[in-house]
């Protein structure tokens, strides 16, 4: 590319965040959120998800978990019963 990558510290990213498909999905979705009608700033991403799941993910899903991604991990942000 024509971008100078010299000053970028790639060690601060998780391995899955350096994959080309992940970058493409996140950049595309972020641009859509910025340039299309505004959405809630904490609306979870819909692409490049389910990279990491805990052993409890399936049970949390059964309990009606609503998930957000943090550092690649799918985390229950709330439950249907809330």
PDB file of N, CA and C in Angstrom:
ATOM      1  N   UNK A   1       0.837  -1.185   0.000  1.00  0.00           N
ATOM      2  CA  UNK A   1       0.000   0.000   0.000  1.00  0.00           C
ATOM      3  C   UNK A   1       0.878   1.243   0.000  1.00  0.00           C
ATOM      4  N   UNK A   2       0.266   2.375  -0.173  1.00  0.00           N
ATOM      5  CA  UNK A   2       1.011   3.632  -0.161  1.00  0.00           C
ATOM      6  C   UNK A   2       1.087   4.233   1.240  1.00  0.00           C
ATOM      7  N   UNK A   3       0.536   3.553   2.222  1.00  0.00           N
ATOM      8  CA  UNK A   3       0.566   4.047   3.603  1.00  0.00           C
ATOM      9  C   UNK A   3       1.871   3.608   4.258  1.00  0.00           C
ATOM     10  N   UNK A   4       2.530   4.524   4.950  1.00  0.00           N
ATOM     11  CA  UNK A   4       3.759   4.201   5.661  1.00  0.00           C
ATOM     12  C   UNK A   4       3.395   3.509   6.970  1.00  0.00           C
ATOM     13  N   UNK A   5       3.701   2.243   7.084  1.00  0.00           N
ATOM     14  CA  UNK A   5       3.347   1.447   8.261  1.00  0.00           C
ATOM     15  C   UNK A   5       4.433   1.489   9.338  1.00  0.00           C
ATOM     16  N   UNK A   6       5.471   2.247   9.121  1.00  0.00           N
ATOM     17  CA  UNK A   6       6.610   2.273  10.026  1.00  0.00           C
ATOM     18  C   UNK A   6       6.215   2.599  11.474  1.00  0.00           C
ATOM     19  N   UNK A   7       5.324   3.533  11.665  1.00  0.00           N
ATOM     20  CA  UNK A   7       4.979   3.991  13.016  1.00  0.00           C
ATOM     21  C   UNK A   7       3.877   3.167  13.680  1.00  0.00           C
ATOM     22  N   UNK A   8       3.338   2.177  12.992  1.00  0.00           N
ATOM     23  CA  UNK A   8       2.245   1.380  13.557  1.00  0.00           C
ATOM     24  C   UNK A   8       2.820   0.257  14.413  1.00  0.00           C
ATOM     25  N   UNK A   9       2.357   0.159  15.647  1.00  0.00           N
ATOM     26  CA  UNK A   9       2.788  -0.914  16.547  1.00  0.00           C
ATOM     27  C   UNK A   9       1.769  -2.045  16.469  1.00  0.00           C
ATOM     28  N   UNK A  10       2.030  -3.025  15.637  1.00  0.00           N
ATOM     29  CA  UNK A  10       1.084  -4.112  15.417  1.00  0.00           C
ATOM     30  C   UNK A  10       0.925  -5.014  16.635  1.00  0.00           C
ATOM     31  N   UNK A  11       1.866  -4.970  17.574  1.00  0.00           N
ATOM     32  CA  UNK A  11       1.767  -5.833  18.753  1.00  0.00           C
ATOM     33  C   UNK A  11       0.625  -5.422  19.673  1.00  0.00           C
ATOM     34  N   UNK A  12       0.059  -4.239  19.478  1.00  0.00           N
ATOM     35  CA  UNK A  12      -1.058  -3.821  20.332  1.00  0.00           C
ATOM     36  C   UNK A  12      -2.392  -4.392  19.874  1.00  0.00           C
ATOM     37  N   UNK A  13      -2.410  -5.080  18.730  1.00  0.00           N
ATOM     38  CA  UNK A  13      -3.628  -5.690  18.216  1.00  0.00           C
ATOM     39  C   UNK A  13      -3.641  -7.176  18.523  1.00  0.00           C
ATOM     40  N   UNK A  14      -4.843  -7.731  18.729  1.00  0.00           N
ATOM     41  CA  UNK A  14      -4.985  -9.174  18.850  1.00  0.00           C
ATOM     42  C   UNK A  14      -4.763  -9.792  17.474  1.00  0.00           C
ATOM     43  N   UNK A  15      -4.299 -11.042  17.411  1.00  0.00           N
ATOM     44  CA  UNK A  15      -4.043 -11.674  16.112  1.00  0.00           C
ATOM     45  C   UNK A  15      -5.246 -11.638  15.166  1.00  0.00           C
ATOM     46  N   UNK A  16      -6.458 -11.855  15.696  1.00  0.00           N
ATOM     47  CA  UNK A  16      -7.628 -11.861  14.805  1.00  0.00           C
ATOM     48  C   UNK A  16      -7.911 -10.474  14.223  1.00  0.00           C
ATOM     49  N   UNK A  17      -7.432  -9.430  14.900  1.00  0.00           N
ATOM     50  CA  UNK A  17      -7.675  -8.070  14.421  1.00  0.00           C
ATOM     51  C   UNK A  17      -6.735  -7.667  13.285  1.00  0.00           C
ATOM     52  N   UNK A  18      -5.744  -8.483  12.987  1.00  0.00           N
ATOM     53  CA  UNK A  18      -4.828  -8.183  11.888  1.00  0.00           C
ATOM     54  C   UNK A  18      -5.167  -8.966  10.624  1.00  0.00           C
ATOM     55  N   UNK A  19      -6.211  -9.775  10.682  1.00  0.00           N
ATOM     56  CA  UNK A  19      -6.637 -10.543   9.506  1.00  0.00           C
ATOM     57  C   UNK A  19      -7.349  -9.615   8.525  1.00  0.00           C
ATOM     58  N   UNK A  20      -7.064  -9.780   7.243  1.00  0.00           N
ATOM     59  CA  UNK A  20      -7.599  -8.877   6.224  1.00  0.00           C
ATOM     60  C   UNK A  20      -9.127  -8.855   6.197  1.00  0.00           C
ATOM     61  N   UNK A  21      -9.770 -10.017   6.360  1.00  0.00           N
ATOM     62  CA  UNK A  21     -11.237 -10.060   6.317  1.00  0.00           C
ATOM     63  C   UNK A  21     -11.840  -9.311   7.506  1.00  0.00           C
ATOM     64  N   UNK A  22     -11.244  -9.461   8.689  1.00  0.00           N
ATOM     65  CA  UNK A  22     -11.717  -8.753   9.876  1.00  0.00           C
ATOM     66  C   UNK A  22     -11.621  -7.241   9.653  1.00  0.00           C
ATOM     67  N   UNK A  23     -10.480  -6.796   9.148  1.00  0.00           N
ATOM     68  CA  UNK A  23     -10.276  -5.364   8.905  1.00  0.00           C
ATOM     69  C   UNK A  23     -11.288  -4.842   7.887  1.00  0.00           C
ATOM     70  N   UNK A  24     -11.478  -5.581   6.819  1.00  0.00           N
ATOM     71  CA  UNK A  24     -12.436  -5.173   5.778  1.00  0.00           C
ATOM     72  C   UNK A  24     -13.844  -5.052   6.359  1.00  0.00           C
ATOM     73  N   UNK A  25     -14.278  -6.094   7.093  1.00  0.00           N
ATOM     74  CA  UNK A  25     -15.633  -6.095   7.657  1.00  0.00           C
ATOM     75  C   UNK A  25     -15.838  -4.935   8.616  1.00  0.00           C
ATOM     76  N   UNK A  26     -14.896  -4.720   9.528  1.00  0.00           N
ATOM     77  CA  UNK A  26     -15.047  -3.655  10.516  1.00  0.00           C
ATOM     78  C   UNK A  26     -14.994  -2.272   9.878  1.00  0.00           C
ATOM     79  N   UNK A  27     -14.079  -2.064   8.951  1.00  0.00           N
ATOM     80  CA  UNK A  27     -13.971  -0.748   8.299  1.00  0.00           C
ATOM     81  C   UNK A  27     -15.224  -0.428   7.498  1.00  0.00           C
ATOM     82  N   UNK A  28     -15.729  -1.420   6.779  1.00  0.00           N
ATOM     83  CA  UNK A  28     -16.940  -1.219   5.982  1.00  0.00           C
ATOM     84  C   UNK A  28     -18.123  -0.885   6.874  1.00  0.00           C
ATOM     85  N   UNK A  29     -18.301  -1.661   7.940  1.00  0.00           N
ATOM     86  CA  UNK A  29     -19.437  -1.420   8.830  1.00  0.00           C
ATOM     87  C   UNK A  29     -19.302  -0.084   9.561  1.00  0.00           C
ATOM     88  N   UNK A  30     -18.098   0.257   9.990  1.00  0.00           N
ATOM     89  CA  UNK A  30     -17.883   1.528  10.677  1.00  0.00           C
ATOM     90  C   UNK A  30     -18.211   2.702   9.761  1.00  0.00           C
ATOM     91  N   UNK A  31     -17.779   2.630   8.512  1.00  0.00           N
ATOM     92  CA  UNK A  31     -18.087   3.703   7.558  1.00  0.00           C
ATOM     93  C   UNK A  31     -19.594   3.836   7.361  1.00  0.00           C
ATOM     94  N   UNK A  32     -20.299   2.713   7.285  1.00  0.00           N
ATOM     95  CA  UNK A  32     -21.756   2.758   7.119  1.00  0.00           C
ATOM     96  C   UNK A  32     -22.418   3.408   8.331  1.00  0.00           C
ATOM     97  N   UNK A  33     -21.902   3.127   9.529  1.00  0.00           N
ATOM     98  CA  UNK A  33     -22.481   3.711  10.737  1.00  0.00           C
ATOM     99  C   UNK A  33     -22.213   5.212  10.817  1.00  0.00           C
ATOM    100  N   UNK A  34     -21.083   5.652  10.281  1.00  0.00           N
ATOM    101  CA  UNK A  34     -20.721   7.064  10.343  1.00  0.00           C
ATOM    102  C   UNK A  34     -21.459   7.880   9.284  1.00  0.00           C
ATOM    103  N   UNK A  35     -21.513   7.363   8.061  1.00  0.00           N
ATOM    104  CA  UNK A  35     -22.029   8.154   6.943  1.00  0.00           C
ATOM    105  C   UNK A  35     -23.491   7.903   6.607  1.00  0.00           C
ATOM    106  N   UNK A  36     -24.100   6.907   7.194  1.00  0.00           N
ATOM    107  CA  UNK A  36     -25.537   6.675   7.019  1.00  0.00           C
ATOM    108  C   UNK A  36     -26.259   7.295   8.204  1.00  0.00           C
ATOM    109  N   UNK A  37     -27.573   7.207   8.258  1.00  0.00           N
ATOM    110  CA  UNK A  37     -28.264   7.776   9.422  1.00  0.00           C
ATOM    111  C   UNK A  37     -27.651   7.277  10.732  1.00  0.00           C
ATOM    112  N   UNK A  38     -27.563   8.187  11.660  1.00  0.00           N
ATOM    113  CA  UNK A  38     -26.906   7.875  12.934  1.00  0.00           C
ATOM    114  C   UNK A  38     -27.547   6.688  13.638  1.00  0.00           C
ATOM    115  N   UNK A  39     -26.725   5.919  14.300  1.00  0.00           N
ATOM    116  CA  UNK A  39     -27.181   4.805  15.122  1.00  0.00           C
ATOM    117  C   UNK A  39     -26.706   5.066  16.542  1.00  0.00           C
ATOM    118  N   UNK A  40     -27.197   4.282  17.459  1.00  0.00           N
ATOM    119  CA  UNK A  40     -26.757   4.419  18.842  1.00  0.00           C
ATOM    120  C   UNK A  40     -25.259   4.130  18.908  1.00  0.00           C
ATOM    121  N   UNK A  41     -24.472   4.957  19.595  1.00  0.00           N
ATOM    122  CA  UNK A  41     -23.020   4.772  19.601  1.00  0.00           C
ATOM    123  C   UNK A  41     -22.560   3.441  20.195  1.00  0.00           C
ATOM    124  N   UNK A  42     -23.392   2.797  20.990  1.00  0.00           N
ATOM    125  CA  UNK A  42     -23.004   1.513  21.573  1.00  0.00           C
ATOM    126  C   UNK A  42     -23.645   0.333  20.855  1.00  0.00           C
ATOM    127  N   UNK A  43     -24.231   0.589  19.700  1.00  0.00           N
ATOM    128  CA  UNK A  43     -24.807  -0.512  18.936  1.00  0.00           C
ATOM    129  C   UNK A  43     -23.692  -1.496  18.586  1.00  0.00           C
ATOM    130  N   UNK A  44     -23.881  -2.776  18.873  1.00  0.00           N
ATOM    131  CA  UNK A  44     -22.808  -3.741  18.602  1.00  0.00           C
ATOM    132  C   UNK A  44     -22.582  -3.934  17.106  1.00  0.00           C
ATOM    133  N   UNK A  45     -21.352  -4.270  16.758  1.00  0.00           N
ATOM    134  CA  UNK A  45     -21.037  -4.594  15.375  1.00  0.00           C
ATOM    135  C   UNK A  45     -21.758  -5.875  14.991  1.00  0.00           C
ATOM    136  N   UNK A  46     -22.117  -5.996  13.716  1.00  0.00           N
ATOM    137  CA  UNK A  46     -22.778  -7.217  13.251  1.00  0.00           C
ATOM    138  C   UNK A  46     -21.826  -8.093  12.446  1.00  0.00           C
ATOM    139  N   UNK A  47     -20.733  -7.528  11.950  1.00  0.00           N
ATOM    140  CA  UNK A  47     -19.760  -8.299  11.164  1.00  0.00           C
ATOM    141  C   UNK A  47     -18.509  -8.561  11.993  1.00  0.00           C
ATOM    142  N   UNK A  48     -17.714  -9.533  11.517  1.00  0.00           N
ATOM    143  CA  UNK A  48     -16.461  -9.909  12.193  1.00  0.00           C
ATOM    144  C   UNK A  48     -16.732 -10.257  13.653  1.00  0.00           C
ATOM    145  N   UNK A  49     -17.719 -11.088  13.866  1.00  0.00           N
ATOM    146  CA  UNK A  49     -18.117 -11.494  15.213  1.00  0.00           C
ATOM    147  C   UNK A  49     -17.826 -12.975  15.421  1.00  0.00           C
ATOM    148  N   UNK A  50     -18.068 -13.440  16.633  1.00  0.00           N
ATOM    149  CA  UNK A  50     -17.911 -14.844  17.027  1.00  0.00           C
ATOM    150  C   UNK A  50     -16.494 -15.351  16.800  1.00  0.00           C
ATOM    151  N   UNK A  51     -15.525 -14.482  17.049  1.00  0.00           N
ATOM    152  CA  UNK A  51     -14.122 -14.874  16.938  1.00  0.00           C
ATOM    153  C   UNK A  51     -13.733 -15.715  18.142  1.00  0.00           C
ATOM    154  N   UNK A  52     -14.170 -15.282  19.326  1.00  0.00           N
ATOM    155  CA  UNK A  52     -13.879 -16.013  20.572  1.00  0.00           C
ATOM    156  C   UNK A  52     -15.167 -16.150  21.371  1.00  0.00           C
ATOM    157  N   UNK A  53     -15.367 -17.344  21.905  1.00  0.00           N
ATOM    158  CA  UNK A  53     -16.534 -17.598  22.763  1.00  0.00           C
ATOM    159  C   UNK A  53     -16.077 -18.367  23.997  1.00  0.00           C
ATOM    160  N   UNK A  54     -16.638 -18.011  25.132  1.00  0.00           N
ATOM    161  CA  UNK A  54     -16.298 -18.730  26.355  1.00  0.00           C
ATOM    162  C   UNK A  54     -17.064 -20.048  26.392  1.00  0.00           C
ATOM    163  N   UNK A  55     -16.682 -20.945  27.284  1.00  0.00           N
ATOM    164  CA  UNK A  55     -17.423 -22.198  27.427  1.00  0.00           C
ATOM    165  C   UNK A  55     -18.877 -21.971  27.856  1.00  0.00           C
ATOM    166  N   UNK A  56     -19.182 -20.796  28.382  1.00  0.00           N
ATOM    167  CA  UNK A  56     -20.528 -20.491  28.866  1.00  0.00           C
ATOM    168  C   UNK A  56     -21.410 -19.840  27.803  1.00  0.00           C
ATOM    169  N   UNK A  57     -20.857 -19.552  26.633  1.00  0.00           N
ATOM    170  CA  UNK A  57     -21.582 -18.828  25.594  1.00  0.00           C
ATOM    171  C   UNK A  57     -22.899 -19.505  25.225  1.00  0.00           C
ATOM    172  N   UNK A  58     -22.869 -20.812  25.002  1.00  0.00           N
ATOM    173  CA  UNK A  58     -24.078 -21.539  24.584  1.00  0.00           C
ATOM    174  C   UNK A  58     -25.175 -21.413  25.639  1.00  0.00           C
ATOM    175  N   UNK A  59     -24.812 -21.543  26.907  1.00  0.00           N
ATOM    176  CA  UNK A  59     -25.795 -21.431  27.991  1.00  0.00           C
ATOM    177  C   UNK A  59     -26.336 -20.005  28.079  1.00  0.00           C
ATOM    178  N   UNK A  60     -25.473 -19.025  27.945  1.00  0.00           N
ATOM    179  CA  UNK A  60     -25.925 -17.633  27.987  1.00  0.00           C
ATOM    180  C   UNK A  60     -26.873 -17.337  26.829  1.00  0.00           C
ATOM    181  N   UNK A  61     -26.619 -17.933  25.680  1.00  0.00           N
ATOM    182  CA  UNK A  61     -27.506 -17.774  24.522  1.00  0.00           C
ATOM    183  C   UNK A  61     -28.878 -18.369  24.841  1.00  0.00           C
ATOM    184  N   UNK A  62     -28.890 -19.562  25.464  1.00  0.00           N
ATOM    185  CA  UNK A  62     -30.152 -20.203  25.857  1.00  0.00           C
ATOM    186  C   UNK A  62     -30.936 -19.334  26.838  1.00  0.00           C
ATOM    187  N   UNK A  63     -30.229 -18.598  27.672  1.00  0.00           N
ATOM    188  CA  UNK A  63     -30.875 -17.732  28.664  1.00  0.00           C
ATOM    189  C   UNK A  63     -31.320 -16.395  28.071  1.00  0.00           C
ATOM    190  N   UNK A  64     -31.170 -16.242  26.759  1.00  0.00           N
ATOM    191  CA  UNK A  64     -31.614 -15.014  26.100  1.00  0.00           C
ATOM    192  C   UNK A  64     -30.582 -13.908  26.107  1.00  0.00           C
ATOM    193  N   UNK A  65     -29.312 -14.286  26.145  1.00  0.00           N
ATOM    194  CA  UNK A  65     -28.242 -13.293  26.175  1.00  0.00           C
ATOM    195  C   UNK A  65     -28.193 -12.435  24.925  1.00  0.00           C
ATOM    196  N   UNK A  66     -27.968 -11.141  25.135  1.00  0.00           N
ATOM    197  CA  UNK A  66     -27.726 -10.193  24.048  1.00  0.00           C
ATOM    198  C   UNK A  66     -26.233  -9.879  24.106  1.00  0.00           C
ATOM    199  N   UNK A  67     -25.523 -10.186  23.035  1.00  0.00           N
ATOM    200  CA  UNK A  67     -24.069 -10.155  23.078  1.00  0.00           C
ATOM    201  C   UNK A  67     -23.462  -8.932  22.416  1.00  0.00           C
ATOM    202  N   UNK A  68     -22.336  -8.519  22.992  1.00  0.00           N
ATOM    203  CA  UNK A  68     -21.477  -7.493  22.407  1.00  0.00           C
ATOM    204  C   UNK A  68     -20.077  -8.092  22.367  1.00  0.00           C
ATOM    205  N   UNK A  69     -19.256  -7.578  21.475  1.00  0.00           N
ATOM    206  CA  UNK A  69     -17.899  -8.091  21.322  1.00  0.00           C
ATOM    207  C   UNK A  69     -16.914  -7.145  21.981  1.00  0.00           C
ATOM    208  N   UNK A  70     -15.968  -7.712  22.706  1.00  0.00           N
ATOM    209  CA  UNK A  70     -14.916  -6.919  23.329  1.00  0.00           C
ATOM    210  C   UNK A  70     -13.613  -7.690  23.197  1.00  0.00           C
ATOM    211  N   UNK A  71     -12.692  -7.172  22.438  1.00  0.00           N
ATOM    212  CA  UNK A  71     -11.411  -7.845  22.234  1.00  0.00           C
ATOM    213  C   UNK A  71     -11.560  -9.190  21.558  1.00  0.00           C
ATOM    214  N   UNK A  72     -12.605  -9.324  20.766  1.00  0.00           N
ATOM    215  CA  UNK A  72     -12.851 -10.590  20.079  1.00  0.00           C
ATOM    216  C   UNK A  72     -13.744 -11.535  20.850  1.00  0.00           C
ATOM    217  N   UNK A  73     -13.939 -11.282  22.131  1.00  0.00           N
ATOM    218  CA  UNK A  73     -14.773 -12.151  22.963  1.00  0.00           C
ATOM    219  C   UNK A  73     -16.231 -11.722  22.876  1.00  0.00           C
ATOM    220  N   UNK A  74     -17.109 -12.692  22.696  1.00  0.00           N
ATOM    221  CA  UNK A  74     -18.548 -12.436  22.740  1.00  0.00           C
ATOM    222  C   UNK A  74     -18.960 -12.443  24.205  1.00  0.00           C
ATOM    223  N   UNK A  75     -19.492 -11.324  24.669  1.00  0.00           N
ATOM    224  CA  UNK A  75     -19.869 -11.195  26.077  1.00  0.00           C
ATOM    225  C   UNK A  75     -21.329 -10.809  26.179  1.00  0.00           C
ATOM    226  N   UNK A  76     -22.024 -11.452  27.102  1.00  0.00           N
ATOM    227  CA  UNK A  76     -23.439 -11.127  27.311  1.00  0.00           C
ATOM    228  C   UNK A  76     -23.521  -9.726  27.912  1.00  0.00           C
ATOM    229  N   UNK A  77     -24.228  -8.863  27.221  1.00  0.00           N
ATOM    230  CA  UNK A  77     -24.399  -7.480  27.671  1.00  0.00           C
ATOM    231  C   UNK A  77     -25.683  -7.336  28.483  1.00  0.00           C
ATOM    232  N   UNK A  78     -26.581  -8.283  28.297  1.00  0.00           N
ATOM    233  CA  UNK A  78     -27.851  -8.290  29.000  1.00  0.00           C
ATOM    234  C   UNK A  78     -28.607  -9.543  28.615  1.00  0.00           C
ATOM    235  N   UNK A  79     -29.721  -9.775  29.258  1.00  0.00           N
ATOM    236  CA  UNK A  79     -30.525 -10.969  29.008  1.00  0.00           C
ATOM    237  C   UNK A  79     -31.971 -10.571  28.745  1.00  0.00           C
ATOM    238  N   UNK A  80     -32.671 -11.426  28.029  1.00  0.00           N
ATOM    239  CA  UNK A  80     -34.068 -11.155  27.679  1.00  0.00           C
ATOM    240  C   UNK A  80     -34.915 -10.915  28.930  1.00  0.00           C
ATOM    241  N   UNK A  81     -34.586 -11.580  30.032  1.00  0.00           N
ATOM    242  CA  UNK A  81     -35.355 -11.452  31.267  1.00  0.00           C
ATOM    243  C   UNK A  81     -35.131 -10.108  31.957  1.00  0.00           C
ATOM    244  N   UNK A  82     -34.106  -9.371  31.551  1.00  0.00           N
ATOM    245  CA  UNK A  82     -33.838  -8.078  32.197  1.00  0.00           C
ATOM    246  C   UNK A  82     -34.887  -7.099  31.767  1.00  0.00           C
TER     247      UNK A  82
END
